[in-house]
Protein backbone atom coordinates (compact mmCIF):
# COMPACT_ATOMS: atom_id res chain seq x y z
CA MET A 1 -170.96 -187.36 148.17
CA THR A 2 -168.00 -189.16 147.77
CA LEU A 3 -165.05 -187.47 148.42
CA VAL A 4 -161.30 -188.76 146.62
CA VAL A 5 -158.48 -186.90 147.35
CA VAL A 6 -155.81 -187.75 144.73
CA PRO A 7 -152.46 -186.04 146.46
CA VAL A 8 -149.85 -184.32 143.89
CA ARG A 9 -146.47 -182.74 143.38
CA TYR A 10 -146.40 -179.25 141.25
CA PRO A 11 -145.84 -179.29 138.70
CA PRO A 12 -146.78 -182.28 138.29
CA THR A 13 -144.64 -185.46 137.29
CA ALA A 14 -145.14 -188.34 135.44
CA HIS A 15 -145.85 -190.24 138.39
CA SER A 16 -148.26 -188.09 140.04
CA GLU A 17 -149.94 -187.69 136.55
CA ALA A 18 -150.97 -191.27 136.56
CA THR A 19 -151.88 -190.97 140.08
CA LEU A 20 -154.46 -188.48 139.03
CA ARG A 21 -155.53 -191.14 135.87
CA GLU A 22 -156.31 -193.45 138.56
CA GLY A 23 -157.97 -190.36 141.13
CA VAL A 24 -159.81 -189.48 138.05
CA ARG A 25 -161.29 -192.89 137.20
CA VAL A 26 -162.16 -193.39 140.71
CA ALA A 27 -163.74 -190.93 141.36
CA GLU A 28 -166.08 -191.33 138.38
CA GLU A 29 -166.61 -194.92 138.98
CA ARG A 30 -167.93 -193.70 142.45
CA ASP A 31 -170.06 -190.93 141.02
CA ALA A 32 -168.00 -188.55 143.68
CA GLU A 33 -165.99 -185.39 144.37
CA LEU A 34 -161.81 -185.33 143.97
CA THR A 35 -159.73 -183.08 145.48
CA VAL A 36 -156.73 -182.82 143.73
CA LEU A 37 -153.77 -181.88 146.86
CA HIS A 38 -150.78 -180.27 146.26
CA VAL A 39 -148.17 -179.18 150.01
CA ASP A 40 -146.48 -176.02 149.32
CA LEU A 41 -143.75 -176.14 152.01
CA TYR A 42 -143.11 -173.50 154.50
CA GLN A 43 -139.39 -174.53 153.24
CA ASN A 44 -139.24 -174.30 149.81
CA SER A 45 -142.28 -172.31 148.59
CA GLY A 46 -142.48 -171.87 145.29
CA GLY A 47 -146.07 -169.61 145.60
CA VAL A 48 -148.18 -171.94 143.87
CA SER A 49 -151.66 -170.78 143.88
CA ARG A 50 -155.19 -173.06 142.60
CA SER A 51 -155.16 -171.37 139.58
CA ASP A 52 -151.88 -172.28 138.69
CA LEU A 53 -152.31 -176.06 139.87
CA LYS A 54 -155.30 -176.17 138.29
CA ARG A 55 -154.05 -174.77 134.19
CA ALA A 56 -150.56 -177.70 135.78
CA VAL A 57 -153.19 -180.11 135.89
CA GLU A 58 -155.26 -179.44 133.01
CA ARG A 59 -152.20 -178.73 130.98
CA ARG A 60 -150.93 -183.02 131.92
CA ILE A 61 -154.48 -184.82 132.37
CA GLY A 62 -157.29 -181.96 130.78
CA ARG A 63 -160.49 -180.57 132.01
CA ILE A 64 -161.87 -182.54 135.45
CA ASP A 65 -165.24 -183.03 136.32
CA ARG A 66 -166.60 -181.96 139.94
CA ALA A 67 -162.46 -181.55 140.53
CA ARG A 68 -161.70 -179.21 143.64
CA TYR A 69 -158.11 -177.70 143.45
CA VAL A 70 -156.49 -177.07 147.24
CA VAL A 71 -153.18 -175.74 148.19
CA ARG A 72 -152.12 -175.86 151.74
CA ARG A 73 -149.53 -175.10 152.47
CA GLY A 74 -146.41 -177.00 155.47
CA PHE A 75 -143.59 -178.14 157.68
CA LEU A 76 -143.95 -181.40 156.36
CA VAL A 77 -146.10 -183.16 153.12
CA GLU A 78 -147.48 -186.25 154.74
CA GLU A 79 -148.57 -184.39 158.04
CA THR A 80 -150.21 -181.90 155.77
CA ILE A 81 -151.85 -184.36 153.24
CA LEU A 82 -153.33 -185.83 156.71
CA GLU A 83 -155.17 -183.45 157.59
CA GLU A 84 -156.40 -182.24 155.02
CA ILE A 85 -157.84 -185.71 154.26
CA ILE A 86 -159.02 -185.81 158.23
CA ALA A 87 -159.98 -182.46 157.43
CA GLU A 88 -162.00 -183.05 154.85
CA ASP A 89 -163.11 -186.07 155.67
CA ALA A 90 -162.39 -188.24 152.74
CA ASP A 91 -163.42 -191.32 151.81
CA VAL A 92 -160.52 -192.42 149.43
CA VAL A 93 -157.61 -191.51 148.55
CA VAL A 94 -155.21 -191.80 146.49
CA ILE A 95 -151.35 -192.26 146.69
CA GLY A 96 -148.36 -192.36 144.54
CA SER A 97 -146.08 -195.39 145.28
CA LYS A 98 -143.32 -193.48 146.34
CA GLN A 99 -145.41 -190.65 148.70
CA ALA A 100 -147.06 -193.90 150.61
CA GLY A 101 -143.32 -194.61 151.22
CA ARG A 102 -142.75 -191.61 152.45
CA TRP A 103 -145.55 -192.28 155.52
CA ARG A 104 -144.71 -194.94 155.80
CA ARG A 105 -141.20 -193.74 157.01
CA MET A 106 -142.39 -191.05 158.91
CA VAL A 107 -145.08 -193.28 160.54
CA GLN A 108 -142.92 -195.11 161.63
CA LYS A 109 -140.72 -193.60 162.87
CA LEU A 110 -144.11 -191.82 165.17
CA LEU A 111 -144.31 -195.43 166.36
CA SER A 112 -142.13 -198.48 167.75
CA ASP A 113 -144.22 -201.10 165.27
CA PRO A 114 -146.35 -199.93 162.85
CA ASP A 115 -148.65 -202.06 161.26
CA ILE A 116 -149.32 -199.42 158.31
CA ASP A 117 -152.39 -200.59 156.86
CA SER A 118 -154.15 -200.53 160.57
CA TYR A 119 -152.47 -197.62 161.18
CA LEU A 120 -153.69 -194.96 158.13
CA ARG A 121 -156.99 -197.57 158.41
CA ASP A 122 -158.17 -196.16 161.54
CA GLN A 123 -156.22 -192.88 161.29
CA LEU A 124 -158.16 -191.59 158.00
CA ASP A 125 -161.35 -194.21 157.81
CA CYS A 126 -161.50 -194.16 154.18
CA THR A 127 -159.93 -196.64 150.59
CA VAL A 128 -156.20 -196.03 150.39
CA ILE A 129 -155.23 -196.66 147.00
CA THR A 130 -151.77 -196.85 145.99
CA VAL A 131 -150.62 -196.85 142.69
CA ASP A 132 -147.43 -196.43 141.32
CA GLY A 133 -145.77 -194.47 138.29
CA SER A 134 -146.94 -196.33 134.99
CA GLY A 135 -150.74 -196.01 136.57
CA ASP A 136 -150.97 -199.45 137.52
CA THR A 137 -152.95 -199.83 141.50
CA VAL A 138 -150.11 -202.14 144.30
CA SER A 139 -152.78 -202.20 147.13
CA ASN A 140 -155.98 -201.45 148.64
CA VAL A 141 -156.94 -200.84 152.08
CA ASP A 142 -160.41 -200.81 152.81
CA ALA A 143 -161.22 -198.90 156.47
């Protein structure tokens, strides 16, 4: 079964909503399962539960069929997202353009001469779709 992972903020912002809508569209198009992921930072923990996340998402965009809601706790959002994507062996990741920018900065800190697209393809072995705040796909990196 194909798996689409969509990392979002809690409570979902307008940008998160646009990213979620694209993730739902991709999941439906590919007849895939969908994981809605939120990272609750240890240092700023709001004590977000899966049911909190589900209710907040459903208030923004309605009920999502075949969706799984996951809250992970971590120190670094980007690292925790990568760990979840790898652990779940995701086929597609739909991220907001703001999140993509943070990933790029994180990777640049880790690598002296980063080729971001190659790094994501090599590390994630999945398709990475980046969505801007209006819901338009701004890039699509296939693994």
